[in-house]
């Protein structure tokens, strides 16, 4: 699902376990009669892999360039990935009924993964993944425009469907065809799609969000991942102060 090439064994195992957990959770939540009585996949940390890829968050200028370079129907997807820190699978399964313009929130209730060419809808990666995410006010006009111009009618209409069929989910490869040129135009050929979520998490941390608030917004059930974004925000703050000193040095007679 993510923009990766030849992931390591730890990552493959973690992703396989995460997929298994999602499938089992879906089987346990079938109504009125669950296919299995409960989800047995509860090994703490088994769905996490040691991060081998150092992520440099996108700057606001880089993000703006990426969004501008994308075709209209993909722009909101990139904005929500960054400013709301949503995963690709969460974005691809968003429906018109999941967007509450009155309260300015997007309701994350499901995710979708592609397995063997088939799309499987299930709950988010963890119970904490079920959440309402506040949409930054500066995005609301774009959300309204997208719903009007690029989303079919009816509460079950996909926000970001396949280009050729509004009833089918978008394949990651379809997104990458337009995303790769956009990130290159921004001077960030290294920026994976999932790194937009990382960017959003760091932006949230930079506002002074607490660990609990980050966990809630990102849908994390454990503090480990959210703490990484706080550390990244601290690193960015140190870089800002360094640049301020450089600016002072250039202006001091």
C-alpha atoms as a PDB file:
ATOM      1  CA  UNK A   1       0.000   0.000   0.000  1.00  0.00           C
ATOM      2  CA  UNK A   2       2.758   2.433   0.858  1.00  0.00           C
ATOM      3  CA  UNK A   3       5.361   3.954  -1.422  1.00  0.00           C
ATOM      4  CA  UNK A   4       8.170   1.517  -0.609  1.00  0.00           C
ATOM      5  CA  UNK A   5      10.625  -0.571  -2.569  1.00  0.00           C
ATOM      6  CA  UNK A   6      11.906  -3.940  -1.314  1.00  0.00           C
ATOM      7  CA  UNK A   7      10.905  -3.584   2.346  1.00  0.00           C
ATOM      8  CA  UNK A   8      12.948  -5.492   4.910  1.00  0.00           C
ATOM      9  CA  UNK A   9      11.832  -8.711   6.548  1.00  0.00           C
ATOM     10  CA  UNK A  10      10.745  -6.974   9.750  1.00  0.00           C
ATOM     11  CA  UNK A  11       8.564  -4.604   7.752  1.00  0.00           C
ATOM     12  CA  UNK A  12       7.067  -7.429   5.674  1.00  0.00           C
ATOM     13  CA  UNK A  13       6.245  -9.412   8.822  1.00  0.00           C
ATOM     14  CA  UNK A  14       4.731  -6.368  10.511  1.00  0.00           C
ATOM     15  CA  UNK A  15       2.601  -5.528   7.468  1.00  0.00           C
ATOM     16  CA  UNK A  16       1.475  -9.148   7.106  1.00  0.00           C
ATOM     17  CA  UNK A  17       0.442  -9.264  10.749  1.00  0.00           C
ATOM     18  CA  UNK A  18      -1.330  -5.908  10.463  1.00  0.00           C
ATOM     19  CA  UNK A  19      -3.266  -7.170   7.429  1.00  0.00           C
ATOM     20  CA  UNK A  20      -4.183 -10.404   9.229  1.00  0.00           C
ATOM     21  CA  UNK A  21      -5.389  -8.422  12.237  1.00  0.00           C
ATOM     22  CA  UNK A  22      -7.536  -6.207   9.987  1.00  0.00           C
ATOM     23  CA  UNK A  23      -9.097  -9.200   8.222  1.00  0.00           C
ATOM     24  CA  UNK A  24      -9.847 -10.960  11.517  1.00  0.00           C
ATOM     25  CA  UNK A  25     -11.304  -7.783  12.994  1.00  0.00           C
ATOM     26  CA  UNK A  26     -13.590  -7.499   9.983  1.00  0.00           C
ATOM     27  CA  UNK A  27     -14.692 -11.124  10.383  1.00  0.00           C
ATOM     28  CA  UNK A  28     -15.445 -10.546  14.059  1.00  0.00           C
ATOM     29  CA  UNK A  29     -17.500  -7.427  13.334  1.00  0.00           C
ATOM     30  CA  UNK A  30     -19.823  -8.913  10.689  1.00  0.00           C
ATOM     31  CA  UNK A  31     -23.447  -8.343  11.637  1.00  0.00           C
ATOM     32  CA  UNK A  32     -25.808  -9.850  12.556  1.00  0.00           C
ATOM     33  CA  UNK A  33     -23.700 -13.025  12.876  1.00  0.00           C
ATOM     34  CA  UNK A  34     -19.900 -12.637  13.236  1.00  0.00           C
ATOM     35  CA  UNK A  35     -17.813 -15.137  11.278  1.00  0.00           C
ATOM     36  CA  UNK A  36     -15.560 -15.607  14.325  1.00  0.00           C
ATOM     37  CA  UNK A  37     -16.385 -14.861  17.989  1.00  0.00           C
ATOM     38  CA  UNK A  38     -13.490 -12.400  18.506  1.00  0.00           C
ATOM     39  CA  UNK A  39     -10.258 -11.156  16.962  1.00  0.00           C
ATOM     40  CA  UNK A  40      -7.416 -13.364  18.289  1.00  0.00           C
ATOM     41  CA  UNK A  41      -4.659 -11.143  16.852  1.00  0.00           C
ATOM     42  CA  UNK A  42      -3.576  -9.213  19.925  1.00  0.00           C
ATOM     43  CA  UNK A  43       0.212  -9.490  20.025  1.00  0.00           C
ATOM     44  CA  UNK A  44       1.409  -6.102  21.251  1.00  0.00           C
ATOM     45  CA  UNK A  45       3.810  -4.452  18.836  1.00  0.00           C
ATOM     46  CA  UNK A  46       3.599  -7.213  16.216  1.00  0.00           C
ATOM     47  CA  UNK A  47       2.204  -4.793  13.640  1.00  0.00           C
ATOM     48  CA  UNK A  48       5.029  -2.315  14.153  1.00  0.00           C
ATOM     49  CA  UNK A  49       8.376  -2.364  12.400  1.00  0.00           C
ATOM     50  CA  UNK A  50      11.539  -0.497  13.227  1.00  0.00           C
ATOM     51  CA  UNK A  51      11.652   2.602  11.069  1.00  0.00           C
ATOM     52  CA  UNK A  52      14.484   2.236   8.545  1.00  0.00           C
ATOM     53  CA  UNK A  53      13.479   5.245   6.468  1.00  0.00           C
ATOM     54  CA  UNK A  54      14.358   8.651   7.903  1.00  0.00           C
ATOM     55  CA  UNK A  55      11.469  10.963   7.130  1.00  0.00           C
ATOM     56  CA  UNK A  56      12.108  14.621   6.428  1.00  0.00           C
ATOM     57  CA  UNK A  57       8.691  16.314   6.724  1.00  0.00           C
ATOM     58  CA  UNK A  58       7.544  18.436   3.818  1.00  0.00           C
ATOM     59  CA  UNK A  59       7.722  22.158   4.311  1.00  0.00           C
ATOM     60  CA  UNK A  60       4.563  24.174   3.824  1.00  0.00           C
ATOM     61  CA  UNK A  61       5.983  25.505   0.568  1.00  0.00           C
ATOM     62  CA  UNK A  62       6.749  21.982  -0.667  1.00  0.00           C
ATOM     63  CA  UNK A  63       3.292  20.810   0.342  1.00  0.00           C
ATOM     64  CA  UNK A  64       1.664  23.701  -1.505  1.00  0.00           C
ATOM     65  CA  UNK A  65       3.655  22.878  -4.639  1.00  0.00           C
ATOM     66  CA  UNK A  66       2.646  19.223  -4.476  1.00  0.00           C
ATOM     67  CA  UNK A  67      -1.031  20.115  -4.104  1.00  0.00           C
ATOM     68  CA  UNK A  68      -0.882  22.651  -6.926  1.00  0.00           C
ATOM     69  CA  UNK A  69       0.792  20.160  -9.276  1.00  0.00           C
ATOM     70  CA  UNK A  70      -1.818  17.456  -8.649  1.00  0.00           C
ATOM     71  CA  UNK A  71      -4.947  17.197 -10.811  1.00  0.00           C
ATOM     72  CA  UNK A  72      -7.970  18.774  -9.112  1.00  0.00           C
ATOM     73  CA  UNK A  73      -9.607  15.518  -8.037  1.00  0.00           C
ATOM     74  CA  UNK A  74      -6.501  14.454  -6.069  1.00  0.00           C
ATOM     75  CA  UNK A  75      -5.760  17.724  -4.287  1.00  0.00           C
ATOM     76  CA  UNK A  76      -8.054  17.260  -1.304  1.00  0.00           C
ATOM     77  CA  UNK A  77      -6.668  13.771  -0.797  1.00  0.00           C
ATOM     78  CA  UNK A  78      -3.160  15.182  -0.373  1.00  0.00           C
ATOM     79  CA  UNK A  79      -4.414  17.967   1.886  1.00  0.00           C
ATOM     80  CA  UNK A  80      -6.240  15.551   4.193  1.00  0.00           C
ATOM     81  CA  UNK A  81      -3.248  13.201   4.222  1.00  0.00           C
ATOM     82  CA  UNK A  82      -1.075  16.059   5.451  1.00  0.00           C
ATOM     83  CA  UNK A  83      -3.241  18.365   7.537  1.00  0.00           C
ATOM     84  CA  UNK A  84      -5.397  15.580   9.062  1.00  0.00           C
ATOM     85  CA  UNK A  85      -2.635  12.926   9.067  1.00  0.00           C
ATOM     86  CA  UNK A  86      -4.852  10.259   7.502  1.00  0.00           C
ATOM     87  CA  UNK A  87      -3.544   6.961   6.141  1.00  0.00           C
ATOM     88  CA  UNK A  88      -4.018   6.023   2.497  1.00  0.00           C
ATOM     89  CA  UNK A  89      -6.381   3.163   3.396  1.00  0.00           C
ATOM     90  CA  UNK A  90      -8.494   5.536   5.503  1.00  0.00           C
ATOM     91  CA  UNK A  91      -8.641   8.132   2.739  1.00  0.00           C
ATOM     92  CA  UNK A  92      -9.495   5.610   0.021  1.00  0.00           C
ATOM     93  CA  UNK A  93     -12.510   4.380   2.017  1.00  0.00           C
ATOM     94  CA  UNK A  94     -13.895   7.797   3.001  1.00  0.00           C
ATOM     95  CA  UNK A  95     -17.532   8.331   1.953  1.00  0.00           C
ATOM     96  CA  UNK A  96     -19.628  11.468   1.619  1.00  0.00           C
ATOM     97  CA  UNK A  97     -21.442  10.522   4.827  1.00  0.00           C
ATOM     98  CA  UNK A  98     -18.130  10.483   6.727  1.00  0.00           C
ATOM     99  CA  UNK A  99     -17.659  14.227   6.232  1.00  0.00           C
ATOM    100  CA  UNK A 100     -19.567  16.486   8.625  1.00  0.00           C
ATOM    101  CA  UNK A 101     -19.370  20.028   7.280  1.00  0.00           C
ATOM    102  CA  UNK A 102     -21.465  21.362  10.145  1.00  0.00           C
ATOM    103  CA  UNK A 103     -18.888  20.382  12.756  1.00  0.00           C
ATOM    104  CA  UNK A 104     -15.902  20.452  10.410  1.00  0.00           C
ATOM    105  CA  UNK A 105     -14.896  16.857  11.085  1.00  0.00           C
ATOM    106  CA  UNK A 106     -14.123  13.739   9.129  1.00  0.00           C
ATOM    107  CA  UNK A 107     -15.239  10.450  10.661  1.00  0.00           C
ATOM    108  CA  UNK A 108     -12.727   7.612  10.310  1.00  0.00           C
ATOM    109  CA  UNK A 109     -14.652   4.383  10.748  1.00  0.00           C
ATOM    110  CA  UNK A 110     -13.167   2.035   8.127  1.00  0.00           C
ATOM    111  CA  UNK A 111     -10.105   1.415   6.024  1.00  0.00           C
ATOM    112  CA  UNK A 112      -9.462  -0.511   2.819  1.00  0.00           C
ATOM    113  CA  UNK A 113      -6.557  -2.696   1.736  1.00  0.00           C
ATOM    114  CA  UNK A 114      -5.890  -4.326  -1.616  1.00  0.00           C
ATOM    115  CA  UNK A 115      -5.100  -8.034  -1.535  1.00  0.00           C
ATOM    116  CA  UNK A 116      -4.627 -10.060  -4.706  1.00  0.00           C
ATOM    117  CA  UNK A 117      -6.337  -7.388  -6.769  1.00  0.00           C
ATOM    118  CA  UNK A 118      -9.371  -7.299  -4.480  1.00  0.00           C
ATOM    119  CA  UNK A 119     -10.289  -4.465  -2.120  1.00  0.00           C
ATOM    120  CA  UNK A 120     -11.085  -5.537   1.440  1.00  0.00           C
ATOM    121  CA  UNK A 121     -12.933  -3.096   3.694  1.00  0.00           C
ATOM    122  CA  UNK A 122     -12.484  -3.417   7.427  1.00  0.00           C
ATOM    123  CA  UNK A 123     -12.076  -1.409  10.614  1.00  0.00           C
ATOM    124  CA  UNK A 124      -8.979   0.763  11.084  1.00  0.00           C
ATOM    125  CA  UNK A 125      -5.681  -0.760  12.213  1.00  0.00           C
ATOM    126  CA  UNK A 126      -6.685  -0.574  15.890  1.00  0.00           C
ATOM    127  CA  UNK A 127      -9.644   0.435  18.040  1.00  0.00           C
ATOM    128  CA  UNK A 128      -7.958   3.817  18.471  1.00  0.00           C
ATOM    129  CA  UNK A 129      -8.124   4.232  14.697  1.00  0.00           C
ATOM    130  CA  UNK A 130     -11.876   4.788  14.959  1.00  0.00           C
ATOM    131  CA  UNK A 131     -11.936   8.542  15.490  1.00  0.00           C
ATOM    132  CA  UNK A 132     -13.290  11.919  14.447  1.00  0.00           C
ATOM    133  CA  UNK A 133     -10.612  14.220  13.061  1.00  0.00           C
ATOM    134  CA  UNK A 134     -11.162  17.966  13.021  1.00  0.00           C
ATOM    135  CA  UNK A 135     -10.519  19.515   9.614  1.00  0.00           C
ATOM    136  CA  UNK A 136      -8.442  22.713   9.756  1.00  0.00           C
ATOM    137  CA  UNK A 137     -10.766  25.622   8.894  1.00  0.00           C
ATOM    138  CA  UNK A 138      -8.631  26.717   5.937  1.00  0.00           C
ATOM    139  CA  UNK A 139      -9.480  23.427   4.172  1.00  0.00           C
ATOM    140  CA  UNK A 140     -13.267  23.552   4.526  1.00  0.00           C
ATOM    141  CA  UNK A 141     -13.866  25.506   1.313  1.00  0.00           C
ATOM    142  CA  UNK A 142     -11.772  22.956  -0.598  1.00  0.00           C
ATOM    143  CA  UNK A 143     -13.740  20.121   0.996  1.00  0.00           C
ATOM    144  CA  UNK A 144     -17.031  21.674  -0.108  1.00  0.00           C
ATOM    145  CA  UNK A 145     -15.748  22.187  -3.646  1.00  0.00           C
ATOM    146  CA  UNK A 146     -14.515  18.599  -3.868  1.00  0.00           C
ATOM    147  CA  UNK A 147     -17.843  17.223  -2.643  1.00  0.00           C
ATOM    148  CA  UNK A 148     -19.634  19.331  -5.233  1.00  0.00           C
ATOM    149  CA  UNK A 149     -17.387  18.621  -8.222  1.00  0.00           C
ATOM    150  CA  UNK A 150     -15.699  15.254  -7.647  1.00  0.00           C
ATOM    151  CA  UNK A 151     -17.993  13.172  -5.413  1.00  0.00           C
ATOM    152  CA  UNK A 152     -21.137  11.361  -6.497  1.00  0.00           C
ATOM    153  CA  UNK A 153     -24.425  11.901  -4.682  1.00  0.00           C
ATOM    154  CA  UNK A 154     -25.514   9.732  -1.787  1.00  0.00           C
ATOM    155  CA  UNK A 155     -23.916   9.273   1.632  1.00  0.00           C
ATOM    156  CA  UNK A 156     -22.076   6.105   0.503  1.00  0.00           C
ATOM    157  CA  UNK A 157     -20.335   7.794  -2.441  1.00  0.00           C
ATOM    158  CA  UNK A 158     -16.545   7.480  -2.268  1.00  0.00           C
ATOM    159  CA  UNK A 159     -14.660  10.750  -1.878  1.00  0.00           C
ATOM    160  CA  UNK A 160     -11.686   9.454  -3.837  1.00  0.00           C
ATOM    161  CA  UNK A 161     -12.875   6.689  -6.175  1.00  0.00           C
ATOM    162  CA  UNK A 162     -11.154   5.077  -9.133  1.00  0.00           C
ATOM    163  CA  UNK A 163     -10.895   7.425 -12.093  1.00  0.00           C
ATOM    164  CA  UNK A 164     -12.943   5.185 -14.380  1.00  0.00           C
ATOM    165  CA  UNK A 165     -15.573   3.997 -11.896  1.00  0.00           C
ATOM    166  CA  UNK A 166     -16.989   6.085  -9.048  1.00  0.00           C
ATOM    167  CA  UNK A 167     -18.139   2.905  -7.286  1.00  0.00           C
ATOM    168  CA  UNK A 168     -14.657   1.348  -7.097  1.00  0.00           C
ATOM    169  CA  UNK A 169     -11.797   2.173  -4.767  1.00  0.00           C
ATOM    170  CA  UNK A 170      -8.745   4.000  -6.017  1.00  0.00           C
ATOM    171  CA  UNK A 171      -5.679   1.798  -6.486  1.00  0.00           C
ATOM    172  CA  UNK A 172      -2.425   3.085  -4.972  1.00  0.00           C
ATOM    173  CA  UNK A 173      -0.737   2.811  -8.379  1.00  0.00           C
ATOM    174  CA  UNK A 174      -3.286   5.251  -9.815  1.00  0.00           C
ATOM    175  CA  UNK A 175      -2.424   7.808  -7.158  1.00  0.00           C
ATOM    176  CA  UNK A 176       1.318   7.363  -7.596  1.00  0.00           C
ATOM    177  CA  UNK A 177       1.092   8.168 -11.320  1.00  0.00           C
ATOM    178  CA  UNK A 178       0.122  11.736 -10.446  1.00  0.00           C
ATOM    179  CA  UNK A 179       1.880  12.005  -7.091  1.00  0.00           C
ATOM    180  CA  UNK A 180       5.389  11.172  -8.288  1.00  0.00           C
ATOM    181  CA  UNK A 181       5.573  14.070 -10.789  1.00  0.00           C
ATOM    182  CA  UNK A 182       4.079  16.423  -8.162  1.00  0.00           C
ATOM    183  CA  UNK A 183       6.654  15.574  -5.504  1.00  0.00           C
ATOM    184  CA  UNK A 184       9.430  15.907  -8.085  1.00  0.00           C
ATOM    185  CA  UNK A 185       8.184  19.379  -8.964  1.00  0.00           C
ATOM    186  CA  UNK A 186       8.423  20.246  -5.268  1.00  0.00           C
ATOM    187  CA  UNK A 187      12.035  19.082  -5.175  1.00  0.00           C
ATOM    188  CA  UNK A 188      11.134  16.151  -2.918  1.00  0.00           C
ATOM    189  CA  UNK A 189      11.483  12.940  -4.968  1.00  0.00           C
ATOM    190  CA  UNK A 190      12.181  11.173  -1.651  1.00  0.00           C
ATOM    191  CA  UNK A 191       8.797  12.034  -0.121  1.00  0.00           C
ATOM    192  CA  UNK A 192       6.598   8.937   0.025  1.00  0.00           C
ATOM    193  CA  UNK A 193       2.829   9.359   0.143  1.00  0.00           C
ATOM    194  CA  UNK A 194       2.776   8.053   3.709  1.00  0.00           C
ATOM    195  CA  UNK A 195       5.278  10.775   4.611  1.00  0.00           C
ATOM    196  CA  UNK A 196       2.476  13.304   4.158  1.00  0.00           C
ATOM    197  CA  UNK A 197       0.848  11.749   7.226  1.00  0.00           C
ATOM    198  CA  UNK A 198       4.161  12.109   9.034  1.00  0.00           C
ATOM    199  CA  UNK A 199       4.255  15.754   7.969  1.00  0.00           C
ATOM    200  CA  UNK A 200       0.797  16.319   9.408  1.00  0.00           C
ATOM    201  CA  UNK A 201       1.747  14.642  12.661  1.00  0.00           C
ATOM    202  CA  UNK A 202       4.787  16.884  13.032  1.00  0.00           C
ATOM    203  CA  UNK A 203       2.715  19.963  12.229  1.00  0.00           C
ATOM    204  CA  UNK A 204       0.244  18.961  14.949  1.00  0.00           C
ATOM    205  CA  UNK A 205       3.091  18.399  17.399  1.00  0.00           C
ATOM    206  CA  UNK A 206       4.507  21.816  16.564  1.00  0.00           C
ATOM    207  CA  UNK A 207       1.264  23.426  17.713  1.00  0.00           C
ATOM    208  CA  UNK A 208       1.996  22.123  21.199  1.00  0.00           C
ATOM    209  CA  UNK A 209      -0.381  19.139  21.102  1.00  0.00           C
ATOM    210  CA  UNK A 210       0.055  16.799  24.043  1.00  0.00           C
ATOM    211  CA  UNK A 211       0.976  13.142  23.601  1.00  0.00           C
ATOM    212  CA  UNK A 212      -2.620  12.114  24.333  1.00  0.00           C
ATOM    213  CA  UNK A 213      -3.931  14.615  21.783  1.00  0.00           C
ATOM    214  CA  UNK A 214      -1.525  13.350  19.131  1.00  0.00           C
ATOM    215  CA  UNK A 215      -2.499   9.743  19.832  1.00  0.00           C
ATOM    216  CA  UNK A 216      -6.170  10.629  19.464  1.00  0.00           C
ATOM    217  CA  UNK A 217      -5.726  12.588  16.239  1.00  0.00           C
ATOM    218  CA  UNK A 218      -3.455   9.997  14.632  1.00  0.00           C
ATOM    219  CA  UNK A 219      -5.402   6.954  15.803  1.00  0.00           C
ATOM    220  CA  UNK A 220      -2.519   5.443  17.767  1.00  0.00           C
ATOM    221  CA  UNK A 221      -3.207   2.977  20.553  1.00  0.00           C
ATOM    222  CA  UNK A 222       0.290   3.197  22.053  1.00  0.00           C
ATOM    223  CA  UNK A 223       2.381   6.318  22.765  1.00  0.00           C
ATOM    224  CA  UNK A 224       5.555   5.127  21.015  1.00  0.00           C
ATOM    225  CA  UNK A 225       4.706   6.337  17.509  1.00  0.00           C
ATOM    226  CA  UNK A 226       3.208   9.630  18.678  1.00  0.00           C
ATOM    227  CA  UNK A 227       6.339  10.339  20.698  1.00  0.00           C
ATOM    228  CA  UNK A 228       8.398  10.121  17.490  1.00  0.00           C
ATOM    229  CA  UNK A 229       6.453  13.047  16.085  1.00  0.00           C
ATOM    230  CA  UNK A 230       7.003  15.087  19.231  1.00  0.00           C
ATOM    231  CA  UNK A 231      10.724  14.432  18.924  1.00  0.00           C
ATOM    232  CA  UNK A 232      10.629  15.378  15.256  1.00  0.00           C
ATOM    233  CA  UNK A 233       8.832  18.603  16.147  1.00  0.00           C
ATOM    234  CA  UNK A 234      11.527  19.369  18.701  1.00  0.00           C
ATOM    235  CA  UNK A 235      14.182  18.784  16.044  1.00  0.00           C
ATOM    236  CA  UNK A 236      12.357  21.138  13.686  1.00  0.00           C
ATOM    237  CA  UNK A 237      12.133  23.753  16.431  1.00  0.00           C
ATOM    238  CA  UNK A 238      15.899  23.499  16.938  1.00  0.00           C
ATOM    239  CA  UNK A 239      16.381  23.997  13.200  1.00  0.00           C
ATOM    240  CA  UNK A 240      14.116  27.058  13.296  1.00  0.00           C
ATOM    241  CA  UNK A 241      16.153  28.608  16.102  1.00  0.00           C
ATOM    242  CA  UNK A 242      19.363  27.894  14.207  1.00  0.00           C
ATOM    243  CA  UNK A 243      18.027  29.688  11.154  1.00  0.00           C
ATOM    244  CA  UNK A 244      16.879  32.612  13.299  1.00  0.00           C
ATOM    245  CA  UNK A 245      20.429  33.000  14.554  1.00  0.00           C
ATOM    246  CA  UNK A 246      21.713  32.893  10.984  1.00  0.00           C
ATOM    247  CA  UNK A 247      19.229  35.608  10.068  1.00  0.00           C
ATOM    248  CA  UNK A 248      20.405  37.700  13.031  1.00  0.00           C
ATOM    249  CA  UNK A 249      23.995  37.267  11.919  1.00  0.00           C
ATOM    250  CA  UNK A 250      23.236  38.521   8.409  1.00  0.00           C
ATOM    251  CA  UNK A 251      21.474  41.622   9.693  1.00  0.00           C
ATOM    252  CA  UNK A 252      23.856  42.551  12.516  1.00  0.00           C
ATOM    253  CA  UNK A 253      26.272  45.323  11.480  1.00  0.00           C
END
